[in-house]
Amino acid sequence: MTVDTVIHPAAVVEDGARLGQGCVIGPFCHIGPEVVLHDGVELKSHVVVTGTTEIGAETVIFPFAVIGEIPQDLKFRGEKTSLVIGERNRIREHVTMNTGTEGGGGVTRIGNDGLFMAGCHVAHDVQVGNNVILVNNAALAGHCVIEDEVIIGGLSGVHQWVRIGRGAIIGAVTMVTNDVIPHGLVQGPRGVLDGLNLVGLKRRGVARSDITALRAAFQMLAQGEGAFQDRARRLGEETQSDYVREIVEFVLGDSDRSFLTPG
């Protein structure tokens, strides 16, 4: 059964824009000519979607969000770049998400099932995974990588090029300047690695044996001999836990930043 798309007469949809079935475009929205909205996307009102931007099915965008504008990067010279947003995201009031830059790969990418609360910013070339939550006024600088199931607290900022591993949580009003291991807990005006995201692990039903292994791994990373990467290598040789291996692979992976290490 075909579901009609509804466009308010006060909305502007430029020629060339492609809208799927069942989209709802509210009053005073502006959709640019290179925008693709998949089935069931809803723009509440006063939403601007511009640039080469694709938005996945059933995503809902709330008033005064600006999606797909050019990067806030002085190196940007008008090159053709894009923004790709996945399915079932909730993008609240005054959120901004920018397209990529040529030097950063050209694509800003958002996964599925995210919640981006009011006033959040996602900068150029950021890669965001699935089930990510950005609380009010959190900001991601350019080139960040935010893996699945991360929560970033309100009024927090993430420095450019930083990676945040799967399942990590960043407390409110925290500045994150270095990479964060998967399942880590970071908090403070200048973020320090203060433990593990135990609440998140339990909510996701992670086995007690894996949580115990993660706690032991964290202690080894905090207090073991040698450099941080050396401790991680030893962990990789000794552990049987997939969750600990995830941390090891993250620590030993390529990065342009150093790490937040256990305090």
C-alpha atoms as a PDB file:
ATOM      1  CA  MET A   1       0.000   0.000   0.000  1.00  0.00           C
ATOM      2  CA  THR A   2       1.367   3.407  -0.985  1.00  0.00           C
ATOM      3  CA  VAL A   3       1.431   6.083   1.704  1.00  0.00           C
ATOM      4  CA  ASP A   4       1.285   9.619   0.407  1.00  0.00           C
ATOM      5  CA  THR A   5       3.879  12.212   1.323  1.00  0.00           C
ATOM      6  CA  VAL A   6       2.414  15.324   2.938  1.00  0.00           C
ATOM      7  CA  ILE A   7       4.053  18.703   2.293  1.00  0.00           C
ATOM      8  CA  HIS A   8       2.743  21.774   4.089  1.00  0.00           C
ATOM      9  CA  PRO A   9       1.990  24.634   1.685  1.00  0.00           C
ATOM     10  CA  ALA A  10       4.350  26.909   3.630  1.00  0.00           C
ATOM     11  CA  ALA A  11       7.296  24.523   3.077  1.00  0.00           C
ATOM     12  CA  VAL A  12       9.830  24.941   0.245  1.00  0.00           C
ATOM     13  CA  VAL A  13      10.987  21.786  -1.553  1.00  0.00           C
ATOM     14  CA  GLU A  14      13.407  22.669  -4.323  1.00  0.00           C
ATOM     15  CA  ASP A  15      13.399  20.944  -7.697  1.00  0.00           C
ATOM     16  CA  GLY A  16      15.624  17.866  -7.661  1.00  0.00           C
ATOM     17  CA  ALA A  17      14.927  16.829  -4.074  1.00  0.00           C
ATOM     18  CA  ARG A  18      13.777  13.208  -3.759  1.00  0.00           C
ATOM     19  CA  LEU A  19      11.213  12.241  -1.135  1.00  0.00           C
ATOM     20  CA  GLY A  20      10.137   8.699  -0.336  1.00  0.00           C
ATOM     21  CA  GLN A  21       6.678   7.473   0.583  1.00  0.00           C
ATOM     22  CA  GLY A  22       4.993   8.716   3.718  1.00  0.00           C
ATOM     23  CA  CYS A  23       7.253  11.682   4.396  1.00  0.00           C
ATOM     24  CA  VAL A  24       5.770  14.574   6.363  1.00  0.00           C
ATOM     25  CA  ILE A  25       7.188  18.037   5.708  1.00  0.00           C
ATOM     26  CA  GLY A  26       5.936  20.648   8.168  1.00  0.00           C
ATOM     27  CA  PRO A  27       5.478  24.394   7.753  1.00  0.00           C
ATOM     28  CA  PHE A  28       8.420  26.641   6.899  1.00  0.00           C
ATOM     29  CA  CYS A  29      10.811  23.770   6.210  1.00  0.00           C
ATOM     30  CA  HIS A  30      13.349  24.220   3.405  1.00  0.00           C
ATOM     31  CA  ILE A  31      14.664  21.194   1.493  1.00  0.00           C
ATOM     32  CA  GLY A  32      17.514  21.694  -0.970  1.00  0.00           C
ATOM     33  CA  PRO A  33      17.769  20.282  -4.504  1.00  0.00           C
ATOM     34  CA  GLU A  34      20.291  17.524  -3.674  1.00  0.00           C
ATOM     35  CA  VAL A  35      18.502  16.136  -0.636  1.00  0.00           C
ATOM     36  CA  VAL A  36      17.184  12.563  -0.430  1.00  0.00           C
ATOM     37  CA  LEU A  37      14.592  11.698   2.225  1.00  0.00           C
ATOM     38  CA  HIS A  38      13.722   8.025   2.539  1.00  0.00           C
ATOM     39  CA  ASP A  39      10.308   6.637   3.470  1.00  0.00           C
ATOM     40  CA  GLY A  40       8.605   8.010   6.551  1.00  0.00           C
ATOM     41  CA  VAL A  41      11.000  10.870   7.305  1.00  0.00           C
ATOM     42  CA  GLU A  42       9.286  13.643   9.255  1.00  0.00           C
ATOM     43  CA  LEU A  43      10.410  17.262   9.459  1.00  0.00           C
ATOM     44  CA  LYS A  44       8.338  18.963  12.163  1.00  0.00           C
ATOM     45  CA  SER A  45       8.638  22.641  11.139  1.00  0.00           C
ATOM     46  CA  HIS A  46      11.288  25.292  10.413  1.00  0.00           C
ATOM     47  CA  VAL A  47      13.831  22.585   9.517  1.00  0.00           C
ATOM     48  CA  VAL A  48      16.547  23.276   6.935  1.00  0.00           C
ATOM     49  CA  VAL A  49      17.956  20.280   5.048  1.00  0.00           C
ATOM     50  CA  THR A  50      20.477  21.276   2.420  1.00  0.00           C
ATOM     51  CA  GLY A  51      23.643  20.140   0.641  1.00  0.00           C
ATOM     52  CA  THR A  52      24.164  16.609  -0.644  1.00  0.00           C
ATOM     53  CA  THR A  53      22.307  15.041   2.252  1.00  0.00           C
ATOM     54  CA  GLU A  54      20.593  11.658   2.586  1.00  0.00           C
ATOM     55  CA  ILE A  55      18.316  10.882   5.526  1.00  0.00           C
ATOM     56  CA  GLY A  56      17.241   7.332   6.350  1.00  0.00           C
ATOM     57  CA  ALA A  57      13.733   6.022   6.825  1.00  0.00           C
ATOM     58  CA  GLU A  58      11.584   7.067   9.790  1.00  0.00           C
ATOM     59  CA  THR A  59      14.015   9.672  11.050  1.00  0.00           C
ATOM     60  CA  VAL A  60      12.278  12.597  12.774  1.00  0.00           C
ATOM     61  CA  ILE A  61      13.791  16.095  12.849  1.00  0.00           C
ATOM     62  CA  PHE A  62      12.460  18.775  15.179  1.00  0.00           C
ATOM     63  CA  PRO A  63      12.137  22.551  14.654  1.00  0.00           C
ATOM     64  CA  PHE A  64      15.087  24.808  13.835  1.00  0.00           C
ATOM     65  CA  ALA A  65      17.559  22.013  13.121  1.00  0.00           C
ATOM     66  CA  VAL A  66      19.977  22.742  10.261  1.00  0.00           C
ATOM     67  CA  ILE A  67      21.125  19.590   8.527  1.00  0.00           C
ATOM     68  CA  GLY A  68      23.692  19.368   5.722  1.00  0.00           C
ATOM     69  CA  GLU A  69      25.148  22.875   5.730  1.00  0.00           C
ATOM     70  CA  ILE A  70      28.788  23.416   4.740  1.00  0.00           C
ATOM     71  CA  PRO A  71      31.563  22.679   7.258  1.00  0.00           C
ATOM     72  CA  GLN A  72      32.766  25.220   9.796  1.00  0.00           C
ATOM     73  CA  ASP A  73      36.279  24.741   8.459  1.00  0.00           C
ATOM     74  CA  LEU A  74      38.349  27.526   6.896  1.00  0.00           C
ATOM     75  CA  LYS A  75      40.027  24.965   4.630  1.00  0.00           C
ATOM     76  CA  PHE A  76      36.709  24.194   2.951  1.00  0.00           C
ATOM     77  CA  ARG A  77      36.629  25.592  -0.589  1.00  0.00           C
ATOM     78  CA  GLY A  78      33.212  24.484  -1.784  1.00  0.00           C
ATOM     79  CA  GLU A  79      34.192  20.965  -2.820  1.00  0.00           C
ATOM     80  CA  LYS A  80      31.447  18.370  -3.310  1.00  0.00           C
ATOM     81  CA  THR A  81      30.936  16.555  -0.004  1.00  0.00           C
ATOM     82  CA  SER A  82      27.988  14.913   1.717  1.00  0.00           C
ATOM     83  CA  LEU A  83      26.113  13.973   4.878  1.00  0.00           C
ATOM     84  CA  VAL A  84      24.531  10.522   5.260  1.00  0.00           C
ATOM     85  CA  ILE A  85      22.123   9.901   8.153  1.00  0.00           C
ATOM     86  CA  GLY A  86      20.756   6.436   8.934  1.00  0.00           C
ATOM     87  CA  GLU A  87      17.321   5.240   9.936  1.00  0.00           C
ATOM     88  CA  ARG A  88      15.060   5.976  12.917  1.00  0.00           C
ATOM     89  CA  ASN A  89      17.134   8.814  14.333  1.00  0.00           C
ATOM     90  CA  ARG A  90      15.599  11.494  16.552  1.00  0.00           C
ATOM     91  CA  ILE A  91      17.191  14.874  15.884  1.00  0.00           C
ATOM     92  CA  ARG A  92      15.887  17.488  18.280  1.00  0.00           C
ATOM     93  CA  GLU A  93      15.591  21.274  18.205  1.00  0.00           C
ATOM     94  CA  HIS A  94      18.524  23.432  17.024  1.00  0.00           C
ATOM     95  CA  VAL A  95      20.783  20.482  16.173  1.00  0.00           C
ATOM     96  CA  THR A  96      23.388  21.161  13.462  1.00  0.00           C
ATOM     97  CA  MET A  97      25.083  18.504  11.321  1.00  0.00           C
ATOM     98  CA  ASN A  98      27.597  19.461   8.620  1.00  0.00           C
ATOM     99  CA  THR A  99      28.779  17.769   5.447  1.00  0.00           C
ATOM    100  CA  GLY A 100      32.342  16.476   5.107  1.00  0.00           C
ATOM    101  CA  THR A 101      35.503  17.972   3.669  1.00  0.00           C
ATOM    102  CA  GLU A 102      37.759  16.741   0.909  1.00  0.00           C
ATOM    103  CA  GLY A 103      40.653  16.320   3.334  1.00  0.00           C
ATOM    104  CA  GLY A 104      38.553  14.278   5.748  1.00  0.00           C
ATOM    105  CA  GLY A 105      37.116  11.760   3.306  1.00  0.00           C
ATOM    106  CA  GLY A 106      34.181  13.841   2.116  1.00  0.00           C
ATOM    107  CA  VAL A 107      31.375  12.208   4.121  1.00  0.00           C
ATOM    108  CA  THR A 108      29.911  12.889   7.545  1.00  0.00           C
ATOM    109  CA  ARG A 109      28.032   9.744   8.525  1.00  0.00           C
ATOM    110  CA  ILE A 110      25.420   9.039  11.220  1.00  0.00           C
ATOM    111  CA  GLY A 111      24.252   5.497  12.005  1.00  0.00           C
ATOM    112  CA  ASN A 112      20.805   4.223  12.966  1.00  0.00           C
ATOM    113  CA  ASP A 113      18.615   4.733  16.042  1.00  0.00           C
ATOM    114  CA  GLY A 114      20.486   7.718  17.469  1.00  0.00           C
ATOM    115  CA  LEU A 115      19.123  10.439  19.741  1.00  0.00           C
ATOM    116  CA  PHE A 116      20.589  13.894  19.249  1.00  0.00           C
ATOM    117  CA  MET A 117      19.103  16.169  21.899  1.00  0.00           C
ATOM    118  CA  ALA A 118      18.549  19.907  21.579  1.00  0.00           C
ATOM    119  CA  GLY A 119      21.477  22.071  20.541  1.00  0.00           C
ATOM    120  CA  CYS A 120      23.931  19.294  19.650  1.00  0.00           C
ATOM    121  CA  HIS A 121      26.552  19.781  16.928  1.00  0.00           C
ATOM    122  CA  VAL A 122      28.091  17.147  14.639  1.00  0.00           C
ATOM    123  CA  ALA A 123      30.975  18.629  12.662  1.00  0.00           C
ATOM    124  CA  HIS A 124      32.495  17.729   9.305  1.00  0.00           C
ATOM    125  CA  ASP A 125      33.760  14.199   8.602  1.00  0.00           C
ATOM    126  CA  VAL A 126      32.516  12.802  11.916  1.00  0.00           C
ATOM    127  CA  GLN A 127      31.578   9.105  11.884  1.00  0.00           C
ATOM    128  CA  VAL A 128      28.841   8.197  14.378  1.00  0.00           C
ATOM    129  CA  GLY A 129      27.723   4.601  14.976  1.00  0.00           C
ATOM    130  CA  ASN A 130      24.357   3.121  15.924  1.00  0.00           C
ATOM    131  CA  ASN A 131      22.357   3.753  19.114  1.00  0.00           C
ATOM    132  CA  VAL A 132      24.411   6.804  20.056  1.00  0.00           C
ATOM    133  CA  ILE A 133      23.008   9.493  22.370  1.00  0.00           C
ATOM    134  CA  LEU A 134      24.248  13.079  22.422  1.00  0.00           C
ATOM    135  CA  VAL A 135      22.678  14.927  25.343  1.00  0.00           C
ATOM    136  CA  ASN A 136      21.746  18.622  25.098  1.00  0.00           C
ATOM    137  CA  ASN A 137      24.449  20.930  23.697  1.00  0.00           C
ATOM    138  CA  ALA A 138      27.102  18.239  23.295  1.00  0.00           C
ATOM    139  CA  ALA A 139      29.492  18.978  20.421  1.00  0.00           C
ATOM    140  CA  LEU A 140      31.626  16.720  18.237  1.00  0.00           C
ATOM    141  CA  ALA A 141      34.519  18.429  16.467  1.00  0.00           C
ATOM    142  CA  GLY A 142      35.714  17.416  13.009  1.00  0.00           C
ATOM    143  CA  HIS A 143      36.929  13.907  12.157  1.00  0.00           C
ATOM    144  CA  CYS A 144      35.760  12.278  15.416  1.00  0.00           C
ATOM    145  CA  VAL A 145      34.789   8.602  15.418  1.00  0.00           C
ATOM    146  CA  ILE A 146      31.990   7.699  17.836  1.00  0.00           C
ATOM    147  CA  GLU A 147      31.355   3.957  17.945  1.00  0.00           C
ATOM    148  CA  ASP A 148      28.047   2.190  18.709  1.00  0.00           C
ATOM    149  CA  GLU A 149      26.126   2.688  21.964  1.00  0.00           C
ATOM    150  CA  VAL A 150      28.120   5.682  23.194  1.00  0.00           C
ATOM    151  CA  ILE A 151      26.465   8.302  25.433  1.00  0.00           C
ATOM    152  CA  ILE A 152      27.917  11.825  25.526  1.00  0.00           C
ATOM    153  CA  GLY A 153      26.652  13.970  28.390  1.00  0.00           C
ATOM    154  CA  GLY A 154      25.213  17.438  28.138  1.00  0.00           C
ATOM    155  CA  LEU A 155      27.483  20.435  27.478  1.00  0.00           C
ATOM    156  CA  SER A 156      30.410  18.121  26.708  1.00  0.00           C
ATOM    157  CA  GLY A 157      32.906  18.700  23.905  1.00  0.00           C
ATOM    158  CA  VAL A 158      34.931  16.148  21.961  1.00  0.00           C
ATOM    159  CA  HIS A 159      38.202  17.348  20.396  1.00  0.00           C
ATOM    160  CA  GLN A 160      38.807  16.817  16.674  1.00  0.00           C
ATOM    161  CA  TRP A 161      40.197  13.411  15.613  1.00  0.00           C
ATOM    162  CA  VAL A 162      39.241  11.754  18.912  1.00  0.00           C
ATOM    163  CA  ARG A 163      37.873   8.200  18.849  1.00  0.00           C
ATOM    164  CA  ILE A 164      35.369   7.036  21.465  1.00  0.00           C
ATOM    165  CA  GLY A 165      35.028   3.261  21.706  1.00  0.00           C
ATOM    166  CA  ARG A 166      31.815   1.262  21.763  1.00  0.00           C
ATOM    167  CA  GLY A 167      29.703   1.495  24.868  1.00  0.00           C
ATOM    168  CA  ALA A 168      31.671   4.317  26.494  1.00  0.00           C
ATOM    169  CA  ILE A 169      29.951   7.073  28.477  1.00  0.00           C
ATOM    170  CA  ILE A 170      31.075  10.695  28.810  1.00  0.00           C
ATOM    171  CA  GLY A 171      29.790  12.605  31.826  1.00  0.00           C
ATOM    172  CA  ALA A 172      28.222  16.040  31.563  1.00  0.00           C
ATOM    173  CA  VAL A 173      30.370  19.166  31.138  1.00  0.00           C
ATOM    174  CA  THR A 174      33.430  17.161  30.107  1.00  0.00           C
ATOM    175  CA  MET A 175      36.112  18.091  27.581  1.00  0.00           C
ATOM    176  CA  VAL A 176      37.464  14.968  25.868  1.00  0.00           C
ATOM    177  CA  THR A 177      40.868  15.540  24.273  1.00  0.00           C
ATOM    178  CA  ASN A 178      42.127  11.973  23.782  1.00  0.00           C
ATOM    179  CA  ASP A 179      40.795   8.587  22.699  1.00  0.00           C
ATOM    180  CA  VAL A 180      38.445   6.710  25.048  1.00  0.00           C
ATOM    181  CA  ILE A 181      38.574   2.925  25.303  1.00  0.00           C
ATOM    182  CA  PRO A 182      35.404   0.874  24.667  1.00  0.00           C
ATOM    183  CA  HIS A 183      33.095   0.762  27.710  1.00  0.00           C
ATOM    184  CA  GLY A 184      35.097   3.485  29.466  1.00  0.00           C
ATOM    185  CA  LEU A 185      33.657   6.091  31.848  1.00  0.00           C
ATOM    186  CA  VAL A 186      35.034   9.616  31.413  1.00  0.00           C
ATOM    187  CA  GLN A 187      34.115  12.641  33.500  1.00  0.00           C
ATOM    188  CA  GLY A 188      35.482  15.961  34.711  1.00  0.00           C
ATOM    189  CA  PRO A 189      36.156  19.427  33.242  1.00  0.00           C
ATOM    190  CA  ARG A 190      39.120  17.880  31.450  1.00  0.00           C
ATOM    191  CA  GLY A 191      38.012  14.307  31.052  1.00  0.00           C
ATOM    192  CA  VAL A 192      39.897  11.536  32.834  1.00  0.00           C
ATOM    193  CA  LEU A 193      39.294   7.828  32.392  1.00  0.00           C
ATOM    194  CA  ASP A 194      37.588   7.126  35.691  1.00  0.00           C
ATOM    195  CA  GLY A 195      36.451   3.531  35.338  1.00  0.00           C
ATOM    196  CA  LEU A 196      34.094   1.469  33.179  1.00  0.00           C
ATOM    197  CA  ASN A 197      30.556   2.144  32.015  1.00  0.00           C
ATOM    198  CA  LEU A 198      29.176  -0.581  34.284  1.00  0.00           C
ATOM    199  CA  VAL A 199      25.607   0.715  34.129  1.00  0.00           C
ATOM    200  CA  GLY A 200      25.621   0.516  30.337  1.00  0.00           C
ATOM    201  CA  LEU A 201      27.141  -2.962  30.323  1.00  0.00           C
ATOM    202  CA  LYS A 202      24.501  -4.259  32.725  1.00  0.00           C
ATOM    203  CA  ARG A 203      21.673  -2.626  30.786  1.00  0.00           C
ATOM    204  CA  ARG A 204      22.820  -4.431  27.652  1.00  0.00           C
ATOM    205  CA  GLY A 205      22.825  -7.763  29.452  1.00  0.00           C
ATOM    206  CA  VAL A 206      26.591  -8.361  29.288  1.00  0.00           C
ATOM    207  CA  ALA A 207      27.510 -11.534  31.163  1.00  0.00           C
ATOM    208  CA  ARG A 208      28.909 -11.195  34.676  1.00  0.00           C
ATOM    209  CA  SER A 209      32.037 -13.103  33.598  1.00  0.00           C
ATOM    210  CA  ASP A 210      32.741 -10.525  30.908  1.00  0.00           C
ATOM    211  CA  ILE A 211      32.206  -7.632  33.320  1.00  0.00           C
ATOM    212  CA  THR A 212      34.607  -9.297  35.765  1.00  0.00           C
ATOM    213  CA  ALA A 213      37.147  -9.703  32.945  1.00  0.00           C
ATOM    214  CA  LEU A 214      36.737  -6.060  31.980  1.00  0.00           C
ATOM    215  CA  ARG A 215      37.317  -4.932  35.571  1.00  0.00           C
ATOM    216  CA  ALA A 216      40.499  -7.014  35.771  1.00  0.00           C
ATOM    217  CA  ALA A 217      41.639  -5.639  32.405  1.00  0.00           C
ATOM    218  CA  PHE A 218      41.045  -2.074  33.555  1.00  0.00           C
ATOM    219  CA  GLN A 219      43.149  -2.676  36.652  1.00  0.00           C
ATOM    220  CA  MET A 220      45.972  -4.085  34.535  1.00  0.00           C
ATOM    221  CA  LEU A 221      45.804  -1.090  32.196  1.00  0.00           C
ATOM    222  CA  ALA A 222      45.879   1.215  35.223  1.00  0.00           C
ATOM    223  CA  GLN A 223      48.593  -0.445  37.286  1.00  0.00           C
ATOM    224  CA  GLY A 224      50.529  -2.880  35.114  1.00  0.00           C
ATOM    225  CA  GLU A 225      54.156  -2.504  34.129  1.00  0.00           C
ATOM    226  CA  GLY A 226      55.328  -0.803  30.961  1.00  0.00           C
ATOM    227  CA  ALA A 227      53.682   1.676  28.628  1.00  0.00           C
ATOM    228  CA  PHE A 228      49.927   1.757  28.084  1.00  0.00           C
ATOM    229  CA  GLN A 229      50.151  -0.017  24.695  1.00  0.00           C
ATOM    230  CA  ASP A 230      52.496  -2.659  26.171  1.00  0.00           C
ATOM    231  CA  ARG A 231      49.941  -3.438  28.882  1.00  0.00           C
ATOM    232  CA  ALA A 232      47.250  -3.727  26.219  1.00  0.00           C
ATOM    233  CA  ARG A 233      49.372  -6.169  24.190  1.00  0.00           C
ATOM    234  CA  ARG A 234      49.838  -8.396  27.228  1.00  0.00           C
ATOM    235  CA  LEU A 235      46.097  -8.286  27.840  1.00  0.00           C
ATOM    236  CA  GLY A 236      45.499  -9.479  24.293  1.00  0.00           C
ATOM    237  CA  GLU A 237      47.775 -12.449  24.844  1.00  0.00           C
ATOM    238  CA  GLU A 238      46.127 -13.457  28.115  1.00  0.00           C
ATOM    239  CA  THR A 239      42.392 -12.770  27.813  1.00  0.00           C
ATOM    240  CA  GLN A 240      39.576 -15.026  26.660  1.00  0.00           C
ATOM    241  CA  SER A 241      36.954 -12.238  26.726  1.00  0.00           C
ATOM    242  CA  ASP A 242      35.741 -10.705  23.466  1.00  0.00           C
ATOM    243  CA  TYR A 243      35.027  -7.470  25.348  1.00  0.00           C
ATOM    244  CA  VAL A 244      38.606  -7.213  26.562  1.00  0.00           C
ATOM    245  CA  ARG A 245      39.890  -8.026  23.069  1.00  0.00           C
ATOM    246  CA  GLU A 246      37.746  -5.160  21.798  1.00  0.00           C
ATOM    247  CA  ILE A 247      39.628  -2.776  24.108  1.00  0.00           C
ATOM    248  CA  VAL A 248      42.979  -4.259  23.064  1.00  0.00           C
ATOM    249  CA  GLU A 249      42.226  -3.862  19.348  1.00  0.00           C
ATOM    250  CA  PHE A 250      41.053  -0.292  19.952  1.00  0.00           C
ATOM    251  CA  VAL A 251      44.203   0.666  21.881  1.00  0.00           C
ATOM    252  CA  LEU A 252      46.493  -0.906  19.290  1.00  0.00           C
ATOM    253  CA  GLY A 253      44.595   0.562  16.322  1.00  0.00           C
ATOM    254  CA  ASP A 254      45.633   3.584  14.292  1.00  0.00           C
ATOM    255  CA  SER A 255      44.962   6.934  15.948  1.00  0.00           C
ATOM    256  CA  ASP A 256      45.970  10.556  15.570  1.00  0.00           C
ATOM    257  CA  ARG A 257      45.493  11.146  19.312  1.00  0.00           C
ATOM    258  CA  SER A 258      46.958   9.724  22.493  1.00  0.00           C
ATOM    259  CA  PHE A 259      44.736   7.968  25.059  1.00  0.00           C
ATOM    260  CA  LEU A 260      42.908   8.903  28.181  1.00  0.00           C
ATOM    261  CA  THR A 261      44.548   6.482  30.584  1.00  0.00           C
ATOM    262  CA  PRO A 262      43.237   5.325  33.967  1.00  0.00           C
ATOM    263  CA  GLY A 263      43.839   7.846  36.730  1.00  0.00           C
END
